[in-house]
Amino acid sequence: MKKIVKLLVTDIIWDAKAHADLPGRVVIDINDSNAHLLDDIDDAADALSDWLSDEYGYCHKGFCVQCVYEDDGE
């Protein structure tokens, strides 16, 4: 069975002017502290949106996300 081990967040459009230090791409390793981002697939985009804003201190206008899977041996 495959499980999600990373989220690749790309094309982030930050709602901030003159902050060139904000990333346009973020790789999130899924672990126990942030697994809640995947709890409910219908709410995953909202949870990820909140995480980005909390982590970087700015709102955004959108992003793309891709899941990276790994075979867990089951």
PDB file of N, CA and C in Angstrom:
ATOM      1  N   MET A   1       0.844  -1.182   0.000  1.00  0.00           N
ATOM      2  CA  MET A   1       0.000   0.000   0.000  1.00  0.00           C
ATOM      3  C   MET A   1       0.888   1.243   0.000  1.00  0.00           C
ATOM      4  N   LYS A   2       0.469   2.246  -0.731  1.00  0.00           N
ATOM      5  CA  LYS A   2       1.245   3.482  -0.807  1.00  0.00           C
ATOM      6  C   LYS A   2       0.710   4.500   0.181  1.00  0.00           C
ATOM      7  N   LYS A   3       1.631   5.285   0.723  1.00  0.00           N
ATOM      8  CA  LYS A   3       1.228   6.365   1.621  1.00  0.00           C
ATOM      9  C   LYS A   3       1.933   7.641   1.189  1.00  0.00           C
ATOM     10  N   ILE A   4       1.321   8.749   1.530  1.00  0.00           N
ATOM     11  CA  ILE A   4       1.903  10.047   1.184  1.00  0.00           C
ATOM     12  C   ILE A   4       3.016  10.359   2.177  1.00  0.00           C
ATOM     13  N   VAL A   5       4.196  10.669   1.648  1.00  0.00           N
ATOM     14  CA  VAL A   5       5.321  10.992   2.514  1.00  0.00           C
ATOM     15  C   VAL A   5       5.771  12.453   2.408  1.00  0.00           C
ATOM     16  N   LYS A   6       5.394  13.104   1.297  1.00  0.00           N
ATOM     17  CA  LYS A   6       5.756  14.511   1.107  1.00  0.00           C
ATOM     18  C   LYS A   6       4.674  15.208   0.309  1.00  0.00           C
ATOM     19  N   LEU A   7       4.577  16.501   0.529  1.00  0.00           N
ATOM     20  CA  LEU A   7       3.748  17.366  -0.305  1.00  0.00           C
ATOM     21  C   LEU A   7       4.674  18.377  -0.967  1.00  0.00           C
ATOM     22  N   LEU A   8       4.571  18.494  -2.281  1.00  0.00           N
ATOM     23  CA  LEU A   8       5.326  19.502  -3.014  1.00  0.00           C
ATOM     24  C   LEU A   8       4.364  20.641  -3.315  1.00  0.00           C
ATOM     25  N   VAL A   9       4.588  21.771  -2.696  1.00  0.00           N
ATOM     26  CA  VAL A   9       3.740  22.938  -2.878  1.00  0.00           C
ATOM     27  C   VAL A   9       4.496  23.897  -3.795  1.00  0.00           C
ATOM     28  N   THR A  10       3.914  24.189  -4.951  1.00  0.00           N
ATOM     29  CA  THR A  10       4.606  25.014  -5.942  1.00  0.00           C
ATOM     30  C   THR A  10       3.715  26.170  -6.380  1.00  0.00           C
ATOM     31  N   ASP A  11       4.303  27.055  -7.131  1.00  0.00           N
ATOM     32  CA  ASP A  11       3.569  28.201  -7.708  1.00  0.00           C
ATOM     33  C   ASP A  11       2.802  28.990  -6.648  1.00  0.00           C
ATOM     34  N   ILE A  12       3.433  29.185  -5.489  1.00  0.00           N
ATOM     35  CA  ILE A  12       2.783  29.930  -4.407  1.00  0.00           C
ATOM     36  C   ILE A  12       2.746  31.413  -4.781  1.00  0.00           C
ATOM     37  N   ILE A  13       1.565  31.969  -4.745  1.00  0.00           N
ATOM     38  CA  ILE A  13       1.392  33.396  -5.026  1.00  0.00           C
ATOM     39  C   ILE A  13       1.113  34.080  -3.688  1.00  0.00           C
ATOM     40  N   TRP A  14       2.138  34.714  -3.144  1.00  0.00           N
ATOM     41  CA  TRP A  14       2.013  35.356  -1.840  1.00  0.00           C
ATOM     42  C   TRP A  14       1.275  36.677  -1.958  1.00  0.00           C
ATOM     43  N   ASP A  15       0.486  36.988  -0.965  1.00  0.00           N
ATOM     44  CA  ASP A  15      -0.231  38.260  -0.889  1.00  0.00           C
ATOM     45  C   ASP A  15       0.626  39.236  -0.087  1.00  0.00           C
ATOM     46  N   ALA A  16       1.807  39.514  -0.630  1.00  0.00           N
ATOM     47  CA  ALA A  16       2.760  40.390   0.057  1.00  0.00           C
ATOM     48  C   ALA A  16       3.609  41.089  -0.991  1.00  0.00           C
ATOM     49  N   LYS A  17       3.806  42.363  -0.822  1.00  0.00           N
ATOM     50  CA  LYS A  17       4.635  43.119  -1.746  1.00  0.00           C
ATOM     51  C   LYS A  17       6.038  43.264  -1.157  1.00  0.00           C
ATOM     52  N   ALA A  18       7.020  43.231  -2.031  1.00  0.00           N
ATOM     53  CA  ALA A  18       8.423  43.487  -1.653  1.00  0.00           C
ATOM     54  C   ALA A  18       8.968  42.490  -0.635  1.00  0.00           C
ATOM     55  N   HIS A  19       8.546  41.243  -0.719  1.00  0.00           N
ATOM     56  CA  HIS A  19       9.096  40.203   0.154  1.00  0.00           C
ATOM     57  C   HIS A  19       9.655  39.081  -0.709  1.00  0.00           C
ATOM     58  N   ALA A  20      10.773  39.370  -1.350  1.00  0.00           N
ATOM     59  CA  ALA A  20      11.393  38.417  -2.262  1.00  0.00           C
ATOM     60  C   ALA A  20      11.909  37.182  -1.536  1.00  0.00           C
ATOM     61  N   ASP A  21      12.000  37.221  -0.207  1.00  0.00           N
ATOM     62  CA  ASP A  21      12.521  36.091   0.548  1.00  0.00           C
ATOM     63  C   ASP A  21      11.469  34.996   0.773  1.00  0.00           C
ATOM     64  N   LEU A  22      10.222  35.230   0.376  1.00  0.00           N
ATOM     65  CA  LEU A  22       9.188  34.206   0.519  1.00  0.00           C
ATOM     66  C   LEU A  22       9.355  33.171  -0.590  1.00  0.00           C
ATOM     67  N   PRO A  23       9.263  31.886  -0.246  1.00  0.00           N
ATOM     68  CA  PRO A  23       9.512  30.847  -1.249  1.00  0.00           C
ATOM     69  C   PRO A  23       8.365  30.704  -2.242  1.00  0.00           C
ATOM     70  N   GLY A  24       8.709  30.328  -3.444  1.00  0.00           N
ATOM     71  CA  GLY A  24       7.710  30.015  -4.448  1.00  0.00           C
ATOM     72  C   GLY A  24       7.399  28.532  -4.470  1.00  0.00           C
ATOM     73  N   ARG A  25       8.235  27.777  -3.751  1.00  0.00           N
ATOM     74  CA  ARG A  25       8.110  26.311  -3.707  1.00  0.00           C
ATOM     75  C   ARG A  25       8.501  25.831  -2.315  1.00  0.00           C
ATOM     76  N   VAL A  26       7.718  24.901  -1.767  1.00  0.00           N
ATOM     77  CA  VAL A  26       7.986  24.349  -0.436  1.00  0.00           C
ATOM     78  C   VAL A  26       7.784  22.839  -0.491  1.00  0.00           C
ATOM     79  N   VAL A  27       8.700  22.096   0.131  1.00  0.00           N
ATOM     80  CA  VAL A  27       8.549  20.653   0.271  1.00  0.00           C
ATOM     81  C   VAL A  27       8.231  20.367   1.735  1.00  0.00           C
ATOM     82  N   ILE A  28       7.106  19.696   1.979  1.00  0.00           N
ATOM     83  CA  ILE A  28       6.688  19.380   3.345  1.00  0.00           C
ATOM     84  C   ILE A  28       6.804  17.879   3.554  1.00  0.00           C
ATOM     85  N   ASP A  29       7.694  17.468   4.440  1.00  0.00           N
ATOM     86  CA  ASP A  29       7.792  16.063   4.828  1.00  0.00           C
ATOM     87  C   ASP A  29       6.655  15.760   5.792  1.00  0.00           C
ATOM     88  N   ILE A  30       5.856  14.754   5.478  1.00  0.00           N
ATOM     89  CA  ILE A  30       4.733  14.396   6.336  1.00  0.00           C
ATOM     90  C   ILE A  30       5.248  13.549   7.492  1.00  0.00           C
ATOM     91  N   ASN A  31       4.959  13.992   8.711  1.00  0.00           N
ATOM     92  CA  ASN A  31       5.358  13.269   9.921  1.00  0.00           C
ATOM     93  C   ASN A  31       4.235  13.419  10.953  1.00  0.00           C
ATOM     94  N   ASP A  32       4.468  12.942  12.144  1.00  0.00           N
ATOM     95  CA  ASP A  32       3.417  12.971  13.171  1.00  0.00           C
ATOM     96  C   ASP A  32       2.935  14.379  13.501  1.00  0.00           C
ATOM     97  N   SER A  33       3.832  15.366  13.405  1.00  0.00           N
ATOM     98  CA  SER A  33       3.440  16.726  13.800  1.00  0.00           C
ATOM     99  C   SER A  33       2.577  17.442  12.759  1.00  0.00           C
ATOM    100  N   ASN A  34       2.601  16.987  11.511  1.00  0.00           N
ATOM    101  CA  ASN A  34       1.801  17.674  10.504  1.00  0.00           C
ATOM    102  C   ASN A  34       0.907  16.732   9.697  1.00  0.00           C
ATOM    103  N   ALA A  35       0.749  15.506  10.143  1.00  0.00           N
ATOM    104  CA  ALA A  35      -0.095  14.532   9.438  1.00  0.00           C
ATOM    105  C   ALA A  35      -1.547  14.998   9.345  1.00  0.00           C
ATOM    106  N   HIS A  36      -1.949  15.901  10.240  1.00  0.00           N
ATOM    107  CA  HIS A  36      -3.318  16.435  10.209  1.00  0.00           C
ATOM    108  C   HIS A  36      -3.638  17.134   8.887  1.00  0.00           C
ATOM    109  N   LEU A  37      -2.608  17.543   8.142  1.00  0.00           N
ATOM    110  CA  LEU A  37      -2.841  18.178   6.852  1.00  0.00           C
ATOM    111  C   LEU A  37      -3.572  17.250   5.888  1.00  0.00           C
ATOM    112  N   LEU A  38      -3.492  15.940   6.142  1.00  0.00           N
ATOM    113  CA  LEU A  38      -4.107  14.950   5.260  1.00  0.00           C
ATOM    114  C   LEU A  38      -5.298  14.244   5.883  1.00  0.00           C
ATOM    115  N   ASP A  39      -5.754  14.679   7.047  1.00  0.00           N
ATOM    116  CA  ASP A  39      -6.847  13.999   7.748  1.00  0.00           C
ATOM    117  C   ASP A  39      -8.119  13.888   6.918  1.00  0.00           C
ATOM    118  N   ASP A  40      -8.503  14.937   6.278  1.00  0.00           N
ATOM    119  CA  ASP A  40      -9.749  14.967   5.503  1.00  0.00           C
ATOM    120  C   ASP A  40      -9.423  15.556   4.147  1.00  0.00           C
ATOM    121  N   ILE A  41      -9.478  14.736   3.114  1.00  0.00           N
ATOM    122  CA  ILE A  41      -9.067  15.186   1.789  1.00  0.00           C
ATOM    123  C   ILE A  41      -9.870  16.397   1.322  1.00  0.00           C
ATOM    124  N   ASP A  42     -11.121  16.497   1.744  1.00  0.00           N
ATOM    125  CA  ASP A  42     -11.936  17.654   1.359  1.00  0.00           C
ATOM    126  C   ASP A  42     -11.439  18.938   2.005  1.00  0.00           C
ATOM    127  N   ASP A  43     -10.823  18.834   3.162  1.00  0.00           N
ATOM    128  CA  ASP A  43     -10.321  20.005   3.873  1.00  0.00           C
ATOM    129  C   ASP A  43      -8.809  20.170   3.748  1.00  0.00           C
ATOM    130  N   ALA A  44      -8.147  19.307   2.974  1.00  0.00           N
ATOM    131  CA  ALA A  44      -6.687  19.330   2.891  1.00  0.00           C
ATOM    132  C   ALA A  44      -6.164  20.650   2.332  1.00  0.00           C
ATOM    133  N   ALA A  45      -6.805  21.195   1.326  1.00  0.00           N
ATOM    134  CA  ALA A  45      -6.346  22.468   0.749  1.00  0.00           C
ATOM    135  C   ALA A  45      -6.468  23.601   1.757  1.00  0.00           C
ATOM    136  N   ASP A  46      -7.553  23.606   2.531  1.00  0.00           N
ATOM    137  CA  ASP A  46      -7.713  24.639   3.562  1.00  0.00           C
ATOM    138  C   ASP A  46      -6.668  24.481   4.661  1.00  0.00           C
ATOM    139  N   ALA A  47      -6.412  23.242   5.073  1.00  0.00           N
ATOM    140  CA  ALA A  47      -5.409  22.994   6.114  1.00  0.00           C
ATOM    141  C   ALA A  47      -4.022  23.404   5.626  1.00  0.00           C
ATOM    142  N   LEU A  48      -3.708  23.097   4.389  1.00  0.00           N
ATOM    143  CA  LEU A  48      -2.414  23.463   3.828  1.00  0.00           C
ATOM    144  C   LEU A  48      -2.295  24.985   3.683  1.00  0.00           C
ATOM    145  N   SER A  49      -3.382  25.621   3.293  1.00  0.00           N
ATOM    146  CA  SER A  49      -3.410  27.077   3.198  1.00  0.00           C
ATOM    147  C   SER A  49      -3.115  27.715   4.553  1.00  0.00           C
ATOM    148  N   ASP A  50      -3.769  27.221   5.590  1.00  0.00           N
ATOM    149  CA  ASP A  50      -3.532  27.722   6.949  1.00  0.00           C
ATOM    150  C   ASP A  50      -2.092  27.479   7.368  1.00  0.00           C
ATOM    151  N   TRP A  51      -1.566  26.291   7.060  1.00  0.00           N
ATOM    152  CA  TRP A  51      -0.185  25.951   7.428  1.00  0.00           C
ATOM    153  C   TRP A  51       0.795  26.924   6.778  1.00  0.00           C
ATOM    154  N   LEU A  52       0.627  27.186   5.475  1.00  0.00           N
ATOM    155  CA  LEU A  52       1.523  28.120   4.782  1.00  0.00           C
ATOM    156  C   LEU A  52       1.497  29.497   5.437  1.00  0.00           C
ATOM    157  N   SER A  53       0.310  30.001   5.712  1.00  0.00           N
ATOM    158  CA  SER A  53       0.190  31.321   6.337  1.00  0.00           C
ATOM    159  C   SER A  53       0.805  31.343   7.734  1.00  0.00           C
ATOM    160  N   ASP A  54       0.562  30.296   8.516  1.00  0.00           N
ATOM    161  CA  ASP A  54       1.132  30.215   9.868  1.00  0.00           C
ATOM    162  C   ASP A  54       2.648  30.095   9.829  1.00  0.00           C
ATOM    163  N   GLU A  55       3.147  29.289   8.916  1.00  0.00           N
ATOM    164  CA  GLU A  55       4.596  29.030   8.828  1.00  0.00           C
ATOM    165  C   GLU A  55       5.380  30.256   8.364  1.00  0.00           C
ATOM    166  N   TYR A  56       4.832  31.007   7.415  1.00  0.00           N
ATOM    167  CA  TYR A  56       5.574  32.118   6.818  1.00  0.00           C
ATOM    168  C   TYR A  56       5.062  33.494   7.212  1.00  0.00           C
ATOM    169  N   GLY A  57       3.923  33.556   7.877  1.00  0.00           N
ATOM    170  CA  GLY A  57       3.432  34.826   8.384  1.00  0.00           C
ATOM    171  C   GLY A  57       2.749  35.722   7.364  1.00  0.00           C
ATOM    172  N   TYR A  58       2.440  35.172   6.202  1.00  0.00           N
ATOM    173  CA  TYR A  58       1.759  35.939   5.164  1.00  0.00           C
ATOM    174  C   TYR A  58       0.647  35.104   4.551  1.00  0.00           C
ATOM    175  N   CYS A  59      -0.386  35.776   4.073  1.00  0.00           N
ATOM    176  CA  CYS A  59      -1.445  35.102   3.328  1.00  0.00           C
ATOM    177  C   CYS A  59      -0.968  34.885   1.893  1.00  0.00           C
ATOM    178  N   HIS A  60      -1.691  34.075   1.175  1.00  0.00           N
ATOM    179  CA  HIS A  60      -1.348  33.823  -0.220  1.00  0.00           C
ATOM    180  C   HIS A  60      -2.624  33.860  -1.049  1.00  0.00           C
ATOM    181  N   LYS A  61      -2.439  33.900  -2.351  1.00  0.00           N
ATOM    182  CA  LYS A  61      -3.572  33.947  -3.282  1.00  0.00           C
ATOM    183  C   LYS A  61      -3.757  32.626  -4.018  1.00  0.00           C
ATOM    184  N   GLY A  62      -2.914  31.646  -3.738  1.00  0.00           N
ATOM    185  CA  GLY A  62      -3.064  30.343  -4.378  1.00  0.00           C
ATOM    186  C   GLY A  62      -1.757  29.573  -4.443  1.00  0.00           C
ATOM    187  N   PHE A  63      -1.872  28.294  -4.767  1.00  0.00           N
ATOM    188  CA  PHE A  63      -0.718  27.420  -4.889  1.00  0.00           C
ATOM    189  C   PHE A  63      -1.151  26.134  -5.597  1.00  0.00           C
ATOM    190  N   CYS A  64      -0.183  25.350  -6.020  1.00  0.00           N
ATOM    191  CA  CYS A  64      -0.418  24.014  -6.565  1.00  0.00           C
ATOM    192  C   CYS A  64       0.214  23.018  -5.604  1.00  0.00           C
ATOM    193  N   VAL A  65      -0.331  21.817  -5.543  1.00  0.00           N
ATOM    194  CA  VAL A  65       0.227  20.812  -4.644  1.00  0.00           C
ATOM    195  C   VAL A  65       0.281  19.457  -5.349  1.00  0.00           C
ATOM    196  N   GLN A  66       1.352  18.734  -5.070  1.00  0.00           N
ATOM    197  CA  GLN A  66       1.543  17.391  -5.609  1.00  0.00           C
ATOM    198  C   GLN A  66       1.966  16.484  -4.455  1.00  0.00           C
ATOM    199  N   CYS A  67       1.413  15.293  -4.411  1.00  0.00           N
ATOM    200  CA  CYS A  67       1.757  14.313  -3.369  1.00  0.00           C
ATOM    201  C   CYS A  67       2.876  13.411  -3.857  1.00  0.00           C
ATOM    202  N   VAL A  68       3.800  13.086  -2.961  1.00  0.00           N
ATOM    203  CA  VAL A  68       4.846  12.118  -3.236  1.00  0.00           C
ATOM    204  C   VAL A  68       4.542  10.894  -2.405  1.00  0.00           C
ATOM    205  N   TYR A  69       4.440   9.755  -3.064  1.00  0.00           N
ATOM    206  CA  TYR A  69       4.057   8.500  -2.398  1.00  0.00           C
ATOM    207  C   TYR A  69       5.258   7.595  -2.197  1.00  0.00           C
ATOM    208  N   GLU A  70       5.126   6.702  -1.215  1.00  0.00           N
ATOM    209  CA  GLU A  70       6.139   5.677  -0.937  1.00  0.00           C
ATOM    210  C   GLU A  70       5.415   4.400  -0.592  1.00  0.00           C
ATOM    211  N   ASP A  71       5.940   3.293  -1.020  1.00  0.00           N
ATOM    212  CA  ASP A  71       5.352   1.993  -0.690  1.00  0.00           C
ATOM    213  C   ASP A  71       5.716   1.673   0.749  1.00  0.00           C
ATOM    214  N   ASP A  72       4.693   1.454   1.589  1.00  0.00           N
ATOM    215  CA  ASP A  72       4.959   1.184   3.016  1.00  0.00           C
ATOM    216  C   ASP A  72       5.168  -0.303   3.306  1.00  0.00           C
ATOM    217  N   GLY A  73       5.252  -1.120   2.272  1.00  0.00           N
ATOM    218  CA  GLY A  73       5.570  -2.540   2.460  1.00  0.00           C
ATOM    219  C   GLY A  73       4.386  -3.429   2.759  1.00  0.00           C
ATOM    220  N   GLU A  74       3.195  -2.892   2.804  1.00  0.00           N
ATOM    221  CA  GLU A  74       2.009  -3.720   3.103  1.00  0.00           C
ATOM    222  C   GLU A  74       1.376  -4.191   1.827  1.00  0.00           C
TER     223      GLU A  74
END
